[in-house]
Amino acid sequence: MTSTDPLIIIGAGLAGWTTAREFRKLDSTTPVLLITADSGHFYAKPSLSNAFAQKRTPEQLVSTPAAKMVETQNVTLLANTRALAIHPATRSITTSKGEFRYSQLVLATGAQPIRVPVAGDAADAVQSVNSLDDFARFHTQLTGEPQRQKHVLIMGAGLIGCEFANDLVASGYAVTVADPSSGPIAALLPVEASTQLREALADLGVRWHFGATVKAVNTVASGSSSAGHLRVELSNGQLAFVDAVLSAIGLRADTSLAQAAGLNCERGVVVDAALQTSAEHIYALGDSAQYTSAGGRTLPYVMPIMNAAKALAATLAGTRTEVAFPLMPVAIKTPALPIVVAAPAPGTPGEWRSVEPGEPGESGVWQFIDAQGQQRGFVLTGKQTTRRAEQAKLVAA
């Protein structure tokens, strides 16, 4: 690059910091400015959903403090700074701390929790955990006084909801999960595997309400035997008196900046094979990106971010490089029933087939077979998760 303006990266999550690190391997001199609305500390976001069982505090989840990241990556960090607008025509951005010009811009803005309307005078007490700051608030609420078993109701039985359910119930909390679907992680798992997970977590004490949603959250009046709790009304007519309500319905790519700047956005910020957006000199990756090279999918997992960041760094350093996503199975952190999923591309015609029995009467291996008879994905549970590499070799390219 010949411009004296910096490479600007918006976002200090895994996507932002990994892009900075990979870029520094190729270019040690170009100024890099990283802008983030939080502290900039580096931590593994997946660790948020299994920290209670590991007895890790929010502070202990920080693997590298921001100051150390700045030093080792030779970047300028603007922490606690909000990016307000992108101006592609002038190659500049407006932030809460002023305007900055860029030579190239990377959007690593992540995703925001999906929130659904909830009635009741305590609707604003519903929490989501999507960042270290979110986790710190949630942790404080559950670990503060009084010292008694606390009850958490989780909205959503998807991947994150189930990970939190397992983590909390294994840590001594009472856990109730409500979800409109028919079983846990129903969108990713074959019915039999979902049933296995449902039973495994129920054995630990998780109480399930499927086919149900949260209608209202209200405070309980003083003088009642349940005073100090939240009264949660479910759509199936059931009531739960809990200490906290955690929304884990899902995430939606944060495209607000990109949309306001006129960039092409659908489910995420649309990027080509080299991760360029519809605007020249502007790129995107991570949870906020929609990858053309992955069939127009968003890929909100660690391994896609690592692959994308490495390719993007080469492009930013002057060698246009297209990202190629290999098969990237996802390990679901539910120790009650370990699961590995390599899901087929959305919309792929086909069916899940049980392959071999695991424990007596239970399968632990499923393959997704398409209309042409080729394997396009797999699910492994329990002891069968050790067969990840073996099954990966069978998936059609």
Protein backbone atom coordinates (compact mmCIF):
# COMPACT_ATOMS: atom_id res chain seq x y z
CA MET A 1 0.00 0.00 0.00
CA THR A 2 1.27 3.47 -0.81
CA SER A 3 -1.18 5.57 1.20
CA THR A 4 -0.07 6.98 4.54
CA ASP A 5 -3.60 6.57 5.83
CA PRO A 6 -3.96 3.56 8.13
CA LEU A 7 -5.66 0.26 7.63
CA ILE A 8 -8.69 0.62 9.90
CA ILE A 9 -10.37 -2.38 11.49
CA ILE A 10 -13.73 -1.88 13.20
CA GLY A 11 -14.25 -4.52 15.87
CA ALA A 12 -11.91 -6.13 18.42
CA GLY A 13 -13.38 -9.60 18.55
CA LEU A 14 -11.71 -12.70 17.15
CA ALA A 15 -12.19 -11.49 13.56
CA GLY A 16 -10.70 -8.06 14.15
CA TRP A 17 -7.70 -9.08 16.20
CA THR A 18 -6.92 -12.12 14.04
CA THR A 19 -6.95 -9.97 10.91
CA ALA A 20 -4.53 -7.55 12.58
CA ARG A 21 -2.23 -10.38 13.64
CA GLU A 22 -2.23 -12.07 10.23
CA PHE A 23 -1.66 -8.73 8.50
CA ARG A 24 1.31 -7.96 10.73
CA LYS A 25 2.94 -11.22 9.65
CA LEU A 26 2.99 -9.82 6.10
CA ASP A 27 3.34 -6.08 6.67
CA SER A 28 5.16 -4.66 9.70
CA THR A 29 5.08 -0.98 8.76
CA THR A 30 1.63 0.09 7.53
CA PRO A 31 -0.24 1.87 10.34
CA VAL A 32 -3.16 -0.13 11.72
CA LEU A 33 -5.96 1.52 13.68
CA LEU A 34 -8.36 -0.77 15.50
CA ILE A 35 -11.61 0.76 16.74
CA THR A 36 -13.89 -0.98 19.20
CA ALA A 37 -16.84 -0.08 21.39
CA ASP A 38 -15.48 -2.22 24.24
CA SER A 39 -12.18 -2.48 26.11
CA GLY A 40 -10.34 -4.30 23.34
CA HIS A 41 -9.24 -7.14 25.60
CA PHE A 42 -8.74 -10.41 23.72
CA TYR A 43 -10.79 -13.37 24.88
CA ALA A 44 -12.36 -16.47 23.39
CA LYS A 45 -16.05 -15.73 22.92
CA PRO A 46 -17.02 -19.45 22.99
CA SER A 47 -15.72 -19.57 26.57
CA LEU A 48 -18.65 -17.41 27.71
CA SER A 49 -21.00 -20.39 27.62
CA ASN A 50 -18.91 -22.76 29.74
CA ALA A 51 -17.28 -20.43 32.25
CA PHE A 52 -19.50 -21.16 35.26
CA ALA A 53 -18.64 -24.85 35.43
CA GLN A 54 -14.96 -23.94 35.13
CA LYS A 55 -15.41 -21.40 37.94
CA ARG A 56 -13.86 -18.69 35.79
CA THR A 57 -14.60 -15.05 36.52
CA PRO A 58 -15.01 -12.47 33.74
CA GLU A 59 -11.49 -11.24 34.45
CA GLN A 60 -10.09 -14.75 34.10
CA LEU A 61 -11.64 -15.10 30.63
CA VAL A 62 -9.31 -12.41 29.27
CA SER A 63 -6.46 -14.28 27.60
CA THR A 64 -4.52 -11.16 26.55
CA PRO A 65 -5.14 -7.64 27.87
CA ALA A 66 -5.67 -4.91 25.30
CA ALA A 67 -2.39 -3.17 26.17
CA LYS A 68 -0.45 -6.36 25.42
CA MET A 69 -2.30 -6.84 22.13
CA VAL A 70 -1.41 -3.30 21.12
CA GLU A 71 2.23 -3.92 21.92
CA THR A 72 2.59 -7.29 20.23
CA GLN A 73 0.60 -6.40 17.10
CA ASN A 74 1.95 -2.85 16.77
CA VAL A 75 -1.47 -1.25 16.34
CA THR A 76 -3.20 1.85 17.61
CA LEU A 77 -6.31 0.99 19.62
CA LEU A 78 -9.28 3.26 20.10
CA ALA A 79 -11.17 1.47 22.87
CA ASN A 80 -14.64 2.42 24.10
CA THR A 81 -15.17 4.20 20.78
CA ARG A 82 -18.23 3.85 18.59
CA ALA A 83 -18.02 3.88 14.82
CA LEU A 84 -20.92 6.05 13.71
CA ALA A 85 -20.70 6.30 9.91
CA ILE A 86 -18.66 5.15 6.92
CA HIS A 87 -18.04 7.49 4.01
CA PRO A 88 -16.83 5.36 1.05
CA ALA A 89 -16.48 8.35 -1.32
CA THR A 90 -13.91 10.06 0.93
CA ARG A 91 -12.50 6.85 2.45
CA SER A 92 -13.21 8.07 5.94
CA ILE A 93 -15.25 7.12 8.99
CA THR A 94 -16.94 9.12 11.71
CA THR A 95 -16.56 7.87 15.29
CA SER A 96 -17.46 9.07 18.75
CA LYS A 97 -13.87 10.34 18.97
CA GLY A 98 -13.67 12.13 15.65
CA GLU A 99 -13.13 11.43 11.95
CA PHE A 100 -10.44 9.19 10.50
CA ARG A 101 -9.32 8.46 6.95
CA TYR A 102 -8.47 4.94 5.88
CA SER A 103 -6.47 3.36 3.08
CA GLN A 104 -8.47 0.16 3.52
CA LEU A 105 -11.29 -0.64 5.91
CA VAL A 106 -12.24 -3.95 7.52
CA LEU A 107 -15.66 -4.48 9.06
CA ALA A 108 -15.47 -7.02 11.86
CA THR A 109 -18.58 -5.77 13.62
CA GLY A 110 -19.88 -9.17 14.65
CA ALA A 111 -23.49 -10.02 15.37
CA GLN A 112 -26.15 -8.80 17.78
CA PRO A 113 -28.57 -10.92 19.80
CA ILE A 114 -32.00 -11.40 18.31
CA ARG A 115 -34.57 -10.00 20.72
CA VAL A 116 -38.26 -10.83 20.61
CA PRO A 117 -41.01 -8.75 22.21
CA VAL A 118 -41.83 -9.76 25.76
CA ALA A 119 -44.60 -8.23 27.84
CA GLY A 120 -44.44 -7.42 31.54
CA ASP A 121 -42.97 -4.79 33.84
CA ALA A 122 -39.64 -6.67 34.00
CA ALA A 123 -39.22 -7.26 30.27
CA ASP A 124 -36.04 -5.19 30.36
CA ALA A 125 -34.56 -7.67 32.86
CA VAL A 126 -34.17 -10.23 30.06
CA GLN A 127 -30.46 -10.53 29.37
CA SER A 128 -28.31 -11.72 26.48
CA VAL A 129 -24.68 -12.78 26.75
CA ASN A 130 -22.82 -11.85 23.58
CA SER A 131 -19.72 -10.19 24.98
CA LEU A 132 -17.40 -10.15 27.96
CA ASP A 133 -19.26 -7.13 29.37
CA ASP A 134 -22.58 -8.98 29.02
CA PHE A 135 -21.12 -12.00 30.80
CA ALA A 136 -19.77 -9.83 33.60
CA ARG A 137 -23.27 -8.47 34.32
CA PHE A 138 -24.82 -11.93 34.17
CA HIS A 139 -22.09 -13.39 36.39
CA THR A 140 -22.54 -10.67 38.99
CA GLN A 141 -26.29 -11.26 39.11
CA LEU A 142 -25.96 -15.00 39.67
CA THR A 143 -23.02 -15.01 42.07
CA GLY A 144 -24.12 -12.16 44.33
CA GLU A 145 -26.11 -12.43 47.53
CA PRO A 146 -28.16 -14.14 48.78
CA GLN A 147 -26.29 -17.44 48.79
CA ARG A 148 -28.97 -19.90 47.72
CA GLN A 149 -29.65 -21.96 44.63
CA LYS A 150 -30.71 -19.61 41.87
CA HIS A 151 -33.02 -20.40 39.01
CA VAL A 152 -32.34 -19.32 35.42
CA LEU A 153 -34.85 -19.51 32.59
CA ILE A 154 -33.24 -19.70 29.15
CA MET A 155 -35.16 -18.56 26.09
CA GLY A 156 -33.97 -20.73 23.23
CA ALA A 157 -32.77 -24.33 22.95
CA GLY A 158 -30.32 -23.73 20.14
CA LEU A 159 -26.60 -24.32 20.32
CA ILE A 160 -25.81 -21.45 22.71
CA GLY A 161 -28.91 -22.02 24.83
CA CYS A 162 -28.00 -25.67 25.33
CA GLU A 163 -24.37 -24.84 26.13
CA PHE A 164 -25.49 -22.37 28.81
CA ALA A 165 -28.08 -24.85 30.13
CA ASN A 166 -25.42 -27.53 30.54
CA ASP A 167 -22.94 -25.09 32.08
CA LEU A 168 -25.39 -23.62 34.59
CA VAL A 169 -27.06 -26.84 35.70
CA ALA A 170 -23.63 -28.47 36.17
CA SER A 171 -22.69 -25.48 38.34
CA GLY A 172 -25.58 -26.00 40.72
CA TYR A 173 -28.18 -23.67 39.25
CA ALA A 174 -31.77 -24.65 38.55
CA VAL A 175 -32.37 -24.34 34.81
CA THR A 176 -35.54 -24.15 32.73
CA VAL A 177 -35.45 -23.86 28.93
CA ALA A 178 -38.32 -22.70 26.73
CA ASP A 179 -38.27 -23.04 22.95
CA PRO A 180 -40.98 -23.11 20.25
CA SER A 181 -39.34 -26.04 18.44
CA SER A 182 -39.77 -29.75 19.14
CA GLY A 183 -36.34 -30.37 20.67
CA PRO A 184 -32.88 -28.97 21.42
CA ILE A 185 -30.78 -27.73 18.49
CA ALA A 186 -33.53 -28.97 16.20
CA ALA A 187 -32.29 -26.90 13.26
CA LEU A 188 -28.91 -28.70 13.17
CA LEU A 189 -29.46 -32.19 14.55
CA PRO A 190 -31.33 -35.26 13.37
CA VAL A 191 -34.31 -36.01 15.59
CA GLU A 192 -32.61 -38.93 17.35
CA ALA A 193 -29.54 -36.87 18.27
CA SER A 194 -31.73 -34.03 19.52
CA THR A 195 -33.61 -36.52 21.68
CA GLN A 196 -30.35 -37.84 23.11
CA LEU A 197 -29.33 -34.32 24.10
CA ARG A 198 -32.74 -33.57 25.57
CA GLU A 199 -32.56 -36.66 27.77
CA ALA A 200 -28.93 -36.13 28.78
CA LEU A 201 -29.59 -32.60 29.99
CA ALA A 202 -32.86 -33.62 31.65
CA ASP A 203 -30.89 -36.22 33.60
CA LEU A 204 -28.77 -33.36 34.97
CA GLY A 205 -31.90 -31.47 36.00
CA VAL A 206 -32.74 -29.21 33.06
CA ARG A 207 -36.50 -28.65 32.75
CA TRP A 208 -37.71 -28.33 29.17
CA HIS A 209 -40.72 -26.51 27.74
CA PHE A 210 -40.86 -27.21 24.00
CA GLY A 211 -43.52 -25.72 21.78
CA ALA A 212 -43.52 -22.76 24.15
CA THR A 213 -42.27 -19.18 24.24
CA VAL A 214 -41.96 -16.52 26.94
CA LYS A 215 -45.02 -14.25 26.94
CA ALA A 216 -44.30 -12.00 29.91
CA VAL A 217 -41.76 -11.30 32.63
CA ASN A 218 -42.96 -9.46 35.72
CA THR A 219 -41.54 -8.59 39.11
CA VAL A 220 -43.03 -10.36 42.10
CA ALA A 221 -44.60 -8.01 44.64
CA SER A 222 -43.03 -7.71 48.08
CA GLY A 223 -44.84 -9.74 50.71
CA SER A 224 -45.23 -12.71 48.39
CA SER A 225 -43.46 -15.97 49.14
CA SER A 226 -41.71 -15.51 45.79
CA ALA A 227 -40.71 -11.88 46.39
CA GLY A 228 -37.40 -10.99 44.80
CA HIS A 229 -37.98 -13.33 41.89
CA LEU A 230 -39.17 -12.77 38.35
CA ARG A 231 -42.51 -14.26 37.37
CA VAL A 232 -42.24 -15.73 33.87
CA GLU A 233 -45.40 -16.60 31.97
CA LEU A 234 -45.01 -19.10 29.14
CA SER A 235 -47.27 -19.45 26.12
CA ASN A 236 -48.25 -22.96 27.26
CA GLY A 237 -49.80 -21.51 30.41
CA GLN A 238 -46.99 -22.56 32.74
CA LEU A 239 -45.41 -20.16 35.23
CA ALA A 240 -41.81 -20.08 36.43
CA PHE A 241 -40.40 -18.04 39.30
CA VAL A 242 -36.78 -17.38 38.50
CA ASP A 243 -33.82 -15.17 39.38
CA ALA A 244 -32.71 -14.44 35.83
CA VAL A 245 -33.97 -14.75 32.26
CA LEU A 246 -31.35 -15.34 29.58
CA SER A 247 -32.30 -14.86 25.93
CA ALA A 248 -30.35 -17.21 23.66
CA ILE A 249 -32.66 -17.08 20.65
CA GLY A 250 -29.86 -16.48 18.21
CA LEU A 251 -27.68 -13.83 16.60
CA ARG A 252 -28.15 -11.55 13.64
CA ALA A 253 -25.24 -10.07 11.68
CA ASP A 254 -24.61 -6.44 12.64
CA THR A 255 -24.97 -4.69 9.30
CA SER A 256 -26.10 -1.27 10.57
CA LEU A 257 -22.93 0.63 9.61
CA ALA A 258 -22.66 -1.09 6.24
CA GLN A 259 -26.31 -0.55 5.35
CA ALA A 260 -26.17 3.13 6.25
CA ALA A 261 -23.13 3.48 3.97
CA GLY A 262 -25.00 1.93 1.06
CA LEU A 263 -23.13 -1.38 1.01
CA ASN A 264 -24.90 -4.48 -0.27
CA CYS A 265 -26.36 -6.35 2.70
CA GLU A 266 -28.68 -9.34 2.94
CA ARG A 267 -28.39 -11.69 5.92
CA GLY A 268 -24.96 -10.13 6.43
CA VAL A 269 -22.60 -7.74 4.67
CA VAL A 270 -22.21 -9.40 1.27
CA VAL A 271 -18.58 -10.07 0.34
CA ASP A 272 -16.98 -11.65 -2.71
CA ALA A 273 -14.45 -14.48 -2.69
CA ALA A 274 -11.71 -12.05 -1.61
CA LEU A 275 -13.96 -10.67 1.16
CA GLN A 276 -14.47 -7.29 -0.52
CA THR A 277 -17.83 -5.64 -0.02
CA SER A 278 -19.73 -3.85 -2.77
CA ALA A 279 -17.55 -0.79 -2.05
CA GLU A 280 -13.94 -0.59 -3.12
CA HIS A 281 -11.34 -0.72 -0.31
CA ILE A 282 -13.91 -2.01 2.21
CA TYR A 283 -13.87 -5.63 3.40
CA ALA A 284 -15.82 -7.68 5.92
CA LEU A 285 -15.44 -10.99 7.74
CA GLY A 286 -16.65 -12.80 10.82
CA ASP A 287 -20.18 -12.92 12.16
CA SER A 288 -21.18 -9.81 10.21
CA ALA A 289 -20.23 -11.18 6.77
CA GLN A 290 -22.24 -13.12 4.21
CA TYR A 291 -19.79 -15.17 2.17
CA THR A 292 -20.38 -15.57 -1.57
CA SER A 293 -17.75 -18.32 -1.61
CA ALA A 294 -19.79 -20.28 0.95
CA GLY A 295 -23.00 -20.21 -1.03
CA GLY A 296 -24.21 -16.95 0.46
CA ARG A 297 -24.05 -18.19 4.02
CA THR A 298 -23.06 -16.49 7.24
CA LEU A 299 -20.55 -18.60 9.18
CA PRO A 300 -20.60 -17.56 12.85
CA TYR A 301 -17.93 -19.98 14.07
CA VAL A 302 -14.25 -19.85 14.99
CA MET A 303 -12.70 -21.83 12.14
CA PRO A 304 -14.31 -19.82 9.32
CA ILE A 305 -13.03 -16.64 10.98
CA MET A 306 -9.49 -17.99 11.14
CA ASN A 307 -9.56 -19.01 7.47
CA ALA A 308 -11.09 -15.72 6.37
CA ALA A 309 -8.64 -13.60 8.37
CA LYS A 310 -5.61 -15.29 6.85
CA ALA A 311 -6.88 -14.81 3.29
CA LEU A 312 -7.95 -11.24 3.96
CA ALA A 313 -4.57 -10.32 5.43
CA ALA A 314 -2.87 -11.38 2.20
CA THR A 315 -5.30 -9.28 0.16
CA LEU A 316 -4.77 -6.26 2.41
CA ALA A 317 -1.01 -6.69 2.07
CA GLY A 318 -1.25 -6.50 -1.72
CA THR A 319 -1.87 -10.04 -2.96
CA ARG A 320 -5.54 -10.62 -3.76
CA THR A 321 -6.39 -13.92 -2.13
CA GLU A 322 -9.72 -15.74 -2.28
CA VAL A 323 -10.86 -17.54 0.83
CA ALA A 324 -11.50 -21.27 0.55
CA PHE A 325 -13.52 -22.76 3.38
CA PRO A 326 -12.75 -26.42 4.07
CA LEU A 327 -15.19 -28.70 5.89
CA MET A 328 -15.34 -27.21 9.38
CA PRO A 329 -17.15 -29.42 11.91
CA VAL A 330 -18.41 -27.66 15.04
CA ALA A 331 -17.93 -29.13 18.52
CA ILE A 332 -20.92 -28.29 20.72
CA LYS A 333 -19.89 -27.71 24.35
CA THR A 334 -22.47 -29.89 26.10
CA PRO A 335 -20.43 -32.28 28.31
CA ALA A 336 -23.63 -34.14 29.22
CA LEU A 337 -23.59 -35.30 25.59
CA PRO A 338 -20.59 -34.22 23.51
CA ILE A 339 -21.64 -33.46 19.92
CA VAL A 340 -19.77 -32.74 16.69
CA VAL A 341 -21.77 -31.34 13.76
CA ALA A 342 -20.78 -30.86 10.14
CA ALA A 343 -24.01 -29.48 8.77
CA PRO A 344 -24.91 -29.63 5.08
CA ALA A 345 -25.37 -26.34 3.25
CA PRO A 346 -28.81 -24.87 4.00
CA GLY A 347 -31.44 -26.03 1.55
CA THR A 348 -29.53 -29.14 0.46
CA PRO A 349 -32.10 -31.82 -0.45
CA GLY A 350 -31.51 -35.05 1.43
CA GLU A 351 -31.99 -36.81 4.74
CA TRP A 352 -30.19 -37.84 7.91
CA ARG A 353 -29.40 -41.54 8.18
CA SER A 354 -28.31 -43.37 11.28
CA VAL A 355 -25.17 -45.35 10.50
CA GLU A 356 -24.01 -47.39 13.45
CA PRO A 357 -25.20 -48.02 16.99
CA GLY A 358 -23.33 -46.39 19.84
CA GLU A 359 -24.63 -47.53 23.21
CA PRO A 360 -27.11 -50.40 22.99
CA GLY A 361 -30.16 -49.20 21.10
CA GLU A 362 -28.69 -45.75 20.41
CA SER A 363 -26.91 -44.44 17.38
CA GLY A 364 -24.00 -42.08 17.74
CA VAL A 365 -23.32 -41.52 14.03
CA TRP A 366 -25.57 -39.87 11.45
CA GLN A 367 -24.73 -38.98 7.89
CA PHE A 368 -26.60 -36.47 5.75
CA ILE A 369 -27.14 -38.07 2.33
CA ASP A 370 -28.20 -35.87 -0.57
CA ALA A 371 -30.54 -36.68 -3.46
CA GLN A 372 -27.62 -38.13 -5.46
CA GLY A 373 -26.60 -40.44 -2.63
CA GLN A 374 -23.54 -38.47 -1.60
CA GLN A 375 -22.68 -37.63 1.98
CA ARG A 376 -22.89 -33.87 2.66
CA GLY A 377 -22.56 -33.74 6.44
CA PHE A 378 -22.48 -35.72 9.66
CA VAL A 379 -23.37 -35.64 13.34
CA LEU A 380 -21.49 -37.54 16.03
CA THR A 381 -22.56 -37.87 19.66
CA GLY A 382 -20.99 -39.24 22.83
CA LYS A 383 -18.04 -41.57 22.34
CA GLN A 384 -18.49 -41.43 18.58
CA THR A 385 -17.15 -37.85 18.49
CA THR A 386 -13.66 -39.38 18.24
CA ARG A 387 -14.56 -40.36 14.65
CA ARG A 388 -14.58 -36.78 13.43
CA ALA A 389 -11.61 -37.15 11.05
CA GLU A 390 -12.92 -40.44 9.67
CA GLN A 391 -16.33 -38.98 8.85
CA ALA A 392 -14.86 -35.78 7.46
CA LYS A 393 -13.05 -37.79 4.77
CA LEU A 394 -16.36 -39.22 3.59
CA VAL A 395 -18.05 -35.88 2.93
CA ALA A 396 -18.23 -35.05 -0.76
CA ALA A 397 -16.23 -32.03 -1.84
